[in-house]
Amino acid sequence: MYLRQDHTPVTLGGRQSRYEEVTASGIALATKIRTRLILALVLGRVARARFEQAIGRTDRLEFVGTLAALREQVFNATVLVTVVAEARDEHGAPTAPLLREILAVRPATAIIGYCHARSASADILDLACAGIDELVQEGIDDEGIALRAAFTGSVEACAARSVRESIEHLIPLAVRPLVDFCLQYPQEDHSVEGLGRALGVDRKTLLNHSHRLALPPPSALAMWCRLLLAAAILESTGQSVERVALALDFASPSAFRNACRRYANERPSTWRAPGGLARVVRCFEEHCNRCRMR
């Protein structure tokens, strides 16, 4: 995550976090954010101070210095966890193998890589290849609104990963690029024409794929991706329905609620409870089964 010249935050995907846009707009939204444990393997005193200043009051921040301490706290945690990790711990051991292990065991963990200005290129590459959700660089985007945007972006990316894993068995290989695009860029144009332009294929090709595979039409599949992503964010963060609706670029909270009723026949507020994403996945699976029976 980096800053534009006008100091607005940009995520690795190239877009400003909609959560930060909503906050910056001054819109007062009622929220009940779920407490998240942030485990930071960050060694420098100055760097730790920057993280302490940027973390919100609803999150609990704890620093560790070794891989052993990080492993123990992550795997014993009873709440949602975000991990911030430098490329090496205080003993010089690389953190990338442990980050891969964490994602394999606890895929709902959001992970942010933290790079010093003096970090070796090989260490930065190891972090990037470990499956991190965001990358923060010392002295560039490791304080204030930029660092908060990185935490928000990591939660969004983690939610997309959870959705992708939850519906993988329902999505044929031929349409996975479409699903991946919709999950990674939920604010983009998801009309058939827009999806075709983004994926570099003709709109008729997308429609033919959906028809041949007995799946929902591309625009409906894109809407399901946004609803599944909304469910994952609501369940993991406890954000308000209004905040998530604006973050995912629905026209209004009412439009978001109407889409939830139309597609899943549920109220999105119920998705904030444990199992919210699983319920929407079941609704999506039932919809796909109906498409196959036509």
Protein backbone atom coordinates (compact mmCIF):
# COMPACT_ATOMS: atom_id res chain seq x y z
CA MET A 1 0.00 0.00 0.00
CA TYR A 2 1.42 3.37 -1.04
CA LEU A 3 0.46 7.06 -1.12
CA ARG A 4 -0.41 9.05 -4.19
CA GLN A 5 1.09 12.52 -4.63
CA ASP A 6 -2.01 13.99 -2.97
CA HIS A 7 -1.35 11.69 0.03
CA THR A 8 -4.42 9.50 -0.51
CA PRO A 9 -3.78 5.80 0.22
CA VAL A 10 -3.54 3.24 -2.56
CA THR A 11 -3.61 -0.51 -1.96
CA LEU A 12 -1.45 -3.04 -3.80
CA GLY A 13 -4.39 -3.62 -6.13
CA GLY A 14 -4.10 0.00 -7.25
CA ARG A 15 -7.22 1.43 -5.64
CA GLN A 16 -7.90 3.47 -2.57
CA SER A 17 -9.60 1.54 0.20
CA ARG A 18 -13.30 2.39 0.20
CA TYR A 19 -13.30 2.12 3.98
CA GLU A 20 -10.82 4.99 4.08
CA GLU A 21 -12.86 6.97 1.53
CA VAL A 22 -15.96 6.60 3.68
CA THR A 23 -14.04 7.71 6.77
CA ALA A 24 -12.44 10.65 4.97
CA SER A 25 -15.81 11.84 3.65
CA GLY A 26 -16.94 12.65 7.16
CA ILE A 27 -20.06 10.49 6.92
CA ALA A 28 -21.11 9.42 10.39
CA LEU A 29 -21.86 5.71 10.31
CA ALA A 30 -22.91 3.66 13.30
CA THR A 31 -20.47 0.80 13.78
CA LYS A 32 -19.83 -1.94 16.25
CA ILE A 33 -16.41 -3.13 15.18
CA ARG A 34 -15.31 -6.53 16.40
CA THR A 35 -12.09 -6.59 18.43
CA ARG A 36 -9.13 -7.89 16.47
CA LEU A 37 -5.77 -8.97 17.88
CA ILE A 38 -2.84 -7.48 15.98
CA LEU A 39 0.41 -9.37 16.49
CA ALA A 40 3.34 -7.34 15.23
CA LEU A 41 6.78 -8.82 14.74
CA VAL A 42 8.22 -5.32 14.43
CA LEU A 43 11.59 -4.71 16.05
CA GLY A 44 12.47 -1.02 15.88
CA ARG A 45 11.38 1.34 18.64
CA VAL A 46 10.40 4.08 16.21
CA ALA A 47 8.47 1.62 14.03
CA ARG A 48 6.61 0.25 17.05
CA ALA A 49 5.65 3.76 18.10
CA ARG A 50 4.19 4.43 14.65
CA PHE A 51 2.08 1.28 14.85
CA GLU A 52 0.85 2.18 18.33
CA GLN A 53 -0.28 5.60 17.11
CA ALA A 54 -2.07 4.22 14.04
CA ILE A 55 -4.00 1.33 15.60
CA GLY A 56 -7.61 2.05 16.49
CA ARG A 57 -8.97 1.73 19.99
CA THR A 58 -11.05 -1.31 19.10
CA ASP A 59 -7.96 -3.36 18.20
CA ARG A 60 -5.51 -4.93 20.64
CA LEU A 61 -1.86 -4.56 19.58
CA GLU A 62 0.88 -6.85 20.92
CA PHE A 63 4.51 -6.90 19.84
CA VAL A 64 6.66 -10.02 19.57
CA GLY A 65 10.31 -10.45 18.69
CA THR A 66 10.71 -14.09 17.70
CA LEU A 67 9.10 -16.64 15.45
CA ALA A 68 8.38 -18.89 18.43
CA ALA A 69 6.43 -16.15 20.21
CA LEU A 70 4.50 -15.27 17.07
CA ARG A 71 3.61 -18.91 16.37
CA GLU A 72 2.42 -19.50 19.92
CA GLN A 73 0.22 -16.41 20.06
CA VAL A 74 -1.32 -16.89 16.60
CA PHE A 75 -2.25 -20.52 17.11
CA ASN A 76 -3.55 -19.98 20.65
CA ALA A 77 -5.62 -16.91 19.79
CA THR A 78 -9.39 -17.15 20.30
CA VAL A 79 -10.19 -13.97 18.32
CA LEU A 80 -9.53 -12.81 14.78
CA VAL A 81 -5.88 -12.05 14.18
CA THR A 82 -3.92 -9.73 11.92
CA VAL A 83 -0.19 -10.41 11.69
CA VAL A 84 2.41 -7.76 10.87
CA ALA A 85 5.82 -9.24 10.19
CA GLU A 86 9.23 -8.08 9.13
CA ALA A 87 11.27 -10.31 6.87
CA ARG A 88 13.38 -11.61 9.78
CA ASP A 89 12.94 -11.89 13.54
CA GLU A 90 15.36 -10.60 16.20
CA HIS A 91 17.54 -13.70 15.76
CA GLY A 92 17.78 -13.23 11.99
CA ALA A 93 15.47 -16.15 11.14
CA PRO A 94 13.27 -15.61 8.03
CA THR A 95 9.57 -15.16 8.76
CA ALA A 96 8.20 -16.24 5.36
CA PRO A 97 7.96 -20.00 6.20
CA LEU A 98 5.92 -19.26 9.34
CA LEU A 99 3.62 -16.90 7.45
CA ARG A 100 2.88 -19.68 4.95
CA GLU A 101 2.19 -22.05 7.84
CA ILE A 102 -0.20 -19.54 9.43
CA LEU A 103 -2.15 -19.14 6.19
CA ALA A 104 -2.37 -22.91 5.79
CA VAL A 105 -3.69 -23.45 9.32
CA ARG A 106 -5.63 -20.21 9.86
CA PRO A 107 -6.52 -18.83 6.40
CA ALA A 108 -8.75 -16.14 7.96
CA THR A 109 -5.62 -14.40 9.27
CA ALA A 110 -4.81 -11.12 7.52
CA ILE A 111 -1.06 -10.66 7.04
CA ILE A 112 0.89 -7.45 6.43
CA GLY A 113 4.55 -7.48 5.47
CA TYR A 114 6.76 -4.71 6.85
CA CYS A 115 9.97 -3.71 5.07
CA HIS A 116 12.76 -1.49 6.34
CA ALA A 117 14.53 0.87 3.99
CA ARG A 118 17.61 -1.31 4.48
CA SER A 119 15.80 -4.60 3.79
CA ALA A 120 17.50 -6.83 1.25
CA SER A 121 15.68 -7.37 -2.03
CA ALA A 122 15.67 -11.12 -1.44
CA ASP A 123 13.93 -10.64 1.92
CA ILE A 124 11.26 -8.41 0.38
CA LEU A 125 10.69 -10.98 -2.35
CA ASP A 126 10.34 -13.76 0.25
CA LEU A 127 7.70 -11.72 2.08
CA ALA A 128 5.78 -11.00 -1.12
CA CYS A 129 5.80 -14.68 -2.09
CA ALA A 130 4.58 -15.80 1.35
CA GLY A 131 1.00 -14.81 0.57
CA ILE A 132 0.85 -11.47 2.40
CA ASP A 133 -2.19 -9.26 1.88
CA GLU A 134 -0.42 -5.88 2.06
CA LEU A 135 3.13 -4.58 2.03
CA VAL A 136 4.16 -1.55 4.11
CA GLN A 137 7.48 0.25 3.69
CA GLU A 138 9.31 2.08 6.44
CA GLY A 139 9.22 5.85 6.05
CA ILE A 140 6.73 5.73 3.17
CA ASP A 141 3.41 4.34 4.36
CA ASP A 142 3.97 3.21 7.95
CA GLU A 143 2.12 5.92 9.84
CA GLY A 144 -1.22 7.70 10.09
CA ILE A 145 -3.93 7.20 7.52
CA ALA A 146 -1.60 5.27 5.20
CA LEU A 147 -0.91 2.60 7.80
CA ARG A 148 -4.59 2.38 8.79
CA ALA A 149 -5.46 1.93 5.12
CA ALA A 150 -3.00 -0.96 4.95
CA PHE A 151 -4.79 -2.69 7.82
CA THR A 152 -8.13 -2.13 6.10
CA GLY A 153 -6.80 -3.40 2.78
CA SER A 154 -5.45 -6.54 4.43
CA VAL A 155 -8.88 -7.29 5.89
CA GLU A 156 -10.50 -6.85 2.47
CA ALA A 157 -7.93 -9.12 0.83
CA CYS A 158 -8.33 -11.70 3.59
CA ALA A 159 -12.11 -11.65 3.11
CA ALA A 160 -11.67 -12.24 -0.62
CA ARG A 161 -9.37 -15.18 0.13
CA SER A 162 -11.94 -16.68 2.51
CA VAL A 163 -14.67 -16.37 -0.10
CA ARG A 164 -12.48 -17.86 -2.82
CA GLU A 165 -11.71 -20.90 -0.69
CA SER A 166 -15.36 -21.29 0.36
CA ILE A 167 -16.75 -21.41 -3.19
CA GLU A 168 -13.82 -23.03 -5.00
CA HIS A 169 -15.68 -26.34 -5.29
CA LEU A 170 -18.60 -24.57 -7.01
CA ILE A 171 -16.64 -22.65 -9.64
CA PRO A 172 -15.33 -24.41 -12.78
CA LEU A 173 -11.84 -23.47 -13.94
CA ALA A 174 -13.16 -21.67 -17.00
CA VAL A 175 -14.86 -18.93 -14.95
CA ARG A 176 -12.40 -18.60 -12.05
CA PRO A 177 -10.67 -15.59 -13.64
CA LEU A 178 -14.03 -13.82 -13.64
CA VAL A 179 -14.67 -14.68 -10.00
CA ASP A 180 -11.15 -13.64 -8.98
CA PHE A 181 -11.59 -10.28 -10.72
CA CYS A 182 -14.94 -9.63 -9.03
CA LEU A 183 -13.55 -10.47 -5.61
CA GLN A 184 -10.40 -8.41 -6.03
CA TYR A 185 -12.13 -5.39 -7.59
CA PRO A 186 -15.69 -5.27 -6.20
CA GLN A 187 -16.05 -1.58 -7.06
CA GLU A 188 -15.34 -1.98 -10.78
CA ASP A 189 -17.90 -2.14 -13.59
CA HIS A 190 -19.49 -5.60 -13.31
CA SER A 191 -21.77 -5.38 -16.32
CA VAL A 192 -21.20 -8.06 -18.94
CA GLU A 193 -19.49 -5.48 -21.15
CA GLY A 194 -17.31 -4.24 -18.29
CA LEU A 195 -16.31 -7.75 -17.26
CA GLY A 196 -15.49 -8.61 -20.87
CA ARG A 197 -13.23 -5.56 -21.20
CA ALA A 198 -11.46 -6.32 -17.91
CA LEU A 199 -10.84 -9.96 -18.82
CA GLY A 200 -10.04 -9.31 -22.47
CA VAL A 201 -12.84 -11.48 -23.89
CA ASP A 202 -15.99 -10.82 -25.84
CA ARG A 203 -19.23 -10.45 -23.86
CA LYS A 204 -20.74 -13.33 -25.86
CA THR A 205 -17.89 -15.57 -24.73
CA LEU A 206 -18.73 -14.85 -21.10
CA LEU A 207 -22.42 -15.52 -21.69
CA ASN A 208 -21.65 -18.74 -23.55
CA HIS A 209 -19.40 -19.95 -20.73
CA SER A 210 -22.14 -19.36 -18.17
CA HIS A 211 -24.77 -21.06 -20.31
CA ARG A 212 -22.58 -24.07 -21.17
CA LEU A 213 -21.56 -24.58 -17.53
CA ALA A 214 -25.10 -24.03 -16.23
CA LEU A 215 -24.00 -21.15 -14.01
CA PRO A 216 -25.72 -17.83 -13.23
CA PRO A 217 -25.19 -15.15 -15.91
CA PRO A 218 -21.95 -13.15 -15.52
CA SER A 219 -23.63 -10.09 -14.00
CA ALA A 220 -25.48 -12.26 -11.46
CA LEU A 221 -22.27 -14.16 -10.66
CA ALA A 222 -20.55 -10.82 -10.06
CA MET A 223 -23.32 -9.75 -7.68
CA TRP A 224 -22.99 -13.01 -5.77
CA CYS A 225 -19.26 -12.30 -5.41
CA ARG A 226 -20.00 -8.89 -3.90
CA LEU A 227 -22.56 -10.36 -1.51
CA LEU A 228 -20.20 -13.14 -0.45
CA LEU A 229 -17.45 -10.59 0.08
CA ALA A 230 -19.83 -8.44 2.12
CA ALA A 231 -20.76 -11.43 4.27
CA ALA A 232 -17.09 -12.23 4.93
CA ILE A 233 -16.35 -8.64 5.93
CA LEU A 234 -19.46 -8.34 8.11
CA GLU A 235 -18.69 -11.59 9.91
CA SER A 236 -15.00 -10.90 10.46
CA THR A 237 -15.12 -7.21 11.38
CA GLY A 238 -18.57 -6.55 12.81
CA GLN A 239 -18.82 -3.38 10.71
CA SER A 240 -22.22 -1.82 10.18
CA VAL A 241 -24.27 -2.78 7.12
CA GLU A 242 -24.19 0.85 5.97
CA ARG A 243 -20.40 1.04 6.10
CA VAL A 244 -19.89 -2.20 4.18
CA ALA A 245 -22.50 -1.21 1.57
CA LEU A 246 -20.66 2.03 0.82
CA ALA A 247 -17.26 0.33 0.92
CA LEU A 248 -18.35 -2.18 -1.74
CA ASP A 249 -19.79 0.62 -3.86
CA PHE A 250 -23.48 -0.24 -3.67
CA ALA A 251 -25.63 2.72 -4.67
CA SER A 252 -26.96 2.96 -1.12
CA PRO A 253 -27.45 0.81 1.97
CA SER A 254 -31.03 0.23 0.78
CA ALA A 255 -29.76 -1.04 -2.57
CA PHE A 256 -27.45 -3.41 -0.70
CA ARG A 257 -30.29 -4.71 1.48
CA ASN A 258 -32.52 -5.17 -1.59
CA ALA A 259 -29.79 -7.19 -3.34
CA CYS A 260 -29.44 -9.39 -0.24
CA ARG A 261 -33.17 -10.07 -0.17
CA ARG A 262 -33.36 -10.68 -3.92
CA TYR A 263 -30.43 -13.07 -4.15
CA ALA A 264 -30.13 -14.68 -0.71
CA ASN A 265 -33.51 -13.89 0.85
CA GLU A 266 -31.72 -12.73 3.99
CA ARG A 267 -31.03 -9.53 5.91
CA PRO A 268 -27.34 -8.59 5.78
CA SER A 269 -27.33 -7.68 9.48
CA THR A 270 -27.63 -11.39 10.28
CA TRP A 271 -24.33 -12.04 8.49
CA ARG A 272 -22.42 -10.32 11.29
CA ALA A 273 -22.96 -13.39 13.49
CA PRO A 274 -20.59 -16.38 13.30
CA GLY A 275 -21.38 -18.52 10.26
CA GLY A 276 -22.65 -15.58 8.19
CA LEU A 277 -20.40 -16.34 5.22
CA ALA A 278 -21.25 -20.05 5.36
CA ARG A 279 -24.97 -19.24 5.09
CA VAL A 280 -24.45 -17.08 2.02
CA VAL A 281 -22.28 -19.80 0.46
CA ARG A 282 -25.18 -22.24 0.93
CA CYS A 283 -27.56 -19.78 -0.71
CA PHE A 284 -25.15 -19.40 -3.63
CA GLU A 285 -24.83 -23.18 -3.97
CA GLU A 286 -28.62 -23.56 -4.02
CA HIS A 287 -28.83 -20.87 -6.72
CA CYS A 288 -26.22 -22.70 -8.82
CA ASN A 289 -28.14 -25.96 -8.41
CA ARG A 290 -31.31 -24.31 -9.65
CA CYS A 291 -29.43 -23.05 -12.69
CA ARG A 292 -28.30 -26.60 -13.48
CA MET A 293 -31.86 -27.93 -13.26
CA ARG A 294 -33.22 -25.50 -15.85
